[in-house]
């Protein structure tokens, strides 16, 4: 019974960790071409 509950919990944890991991990668990639503001990448040539 516990195995049926453990799988969705572990999948949810893995999904949340993956989201934070991807956001960190996006932020690092943005530092090369622009600035990170309010969760968005603002490039040098964009209109604010």
Protein backbone atom coordinates (compact mmCIF):
# COMPACT_ATOMS: atom_id res chain seq x y z
CA UNK A 1 0.00 0.00 0.00
CA UNK A 2 2.78 2.41 0.87
CA UNK A 3 4.38 1.77 -2.54
CA UNK A 4 1.29 3.16 -4.27
CA UNK A 5 1.57 6.38 -2.31
CA UNK A 6 5.35 6.66 -2.52
CA UNK A 7 5.52 6.72 -6.34
CA UNK A 8 3.42 9.90 -6.92
CA UNK A 9 5.19 11.66 -4.04
CA UNK A 10 8.63 10.85 -5.47
CA UNK A 11 7.51 11.89 -8.97
CA UNK A 12 6.26 15.22 -7.62
CA UNK A 13 9.54 15.84 -5.81
CA UNK A 14 11.52 14.96 -8.96
CA UNK A 15 9.36 17.31 -11.04
CA UNK A 16 9.83 20.22 -8.64
CA UNK A 17 13.60 19.67 -8.48
CA UNK A 18 13.68 19.55 -12.29
CA UNK A 19 11.82 22.85 -12.56
CA UNK A 20 14.27 24.58 -10.22
CA UNK A 21 17.22 23.00 -12.05
CA UNK A 22 15.95 24.28 -15.42
CA UNK A 23 15.27 27.76 -14.06
CA UNK A 24 18.82 27.91 -12.76
CA UNK A 25 20.15 26.88 -16.19
CA UNK A 26 18.00 29.56 -17.84
CA UNK A 27 19.33 32.19 -15.45
CA UNK A 28 22.96 31.22 -16.13
CA UNK A 29 22.37 31.29 -19.90
CA UNK A 30 20.70 34.69 -19.58
CA UNK A 31 23.72 36.21 -17.85
CA UNK A 32 25.65 35.85 -21.12
CA UNK A 33 23.17 37.81 -23.27
CA UNK A 34 21.28 40.07 -20.89
CA UNK A 35 19.85 40.56 -17.41
CA UNK A 36 17.46 38.41 -15.36
CA UNK A 37 14.56 40.51 -14.00
CA UNK A 38 11.37 39.25 -12.35
CA UNK A 39 11.82 35.77 -13.80
CA UNK A 40 12.37 37.02 -17.36
CA UNK A 41 15.50 37.40 -19.43
CA UNK A 42 15.88 40.97 -20.70
CA UNK A 43 18.35 41.08 -23.60
CA UNK A 44 20.47 44.06 -24.50
CA UNK A 45 18.50 45.02 -27.61
CA UNK A 46 14.96 44.52 -26.27
CA UNK A 47 12.47 47.26 -25.49
CA UNK A 48 11.47 47.32 -21.85
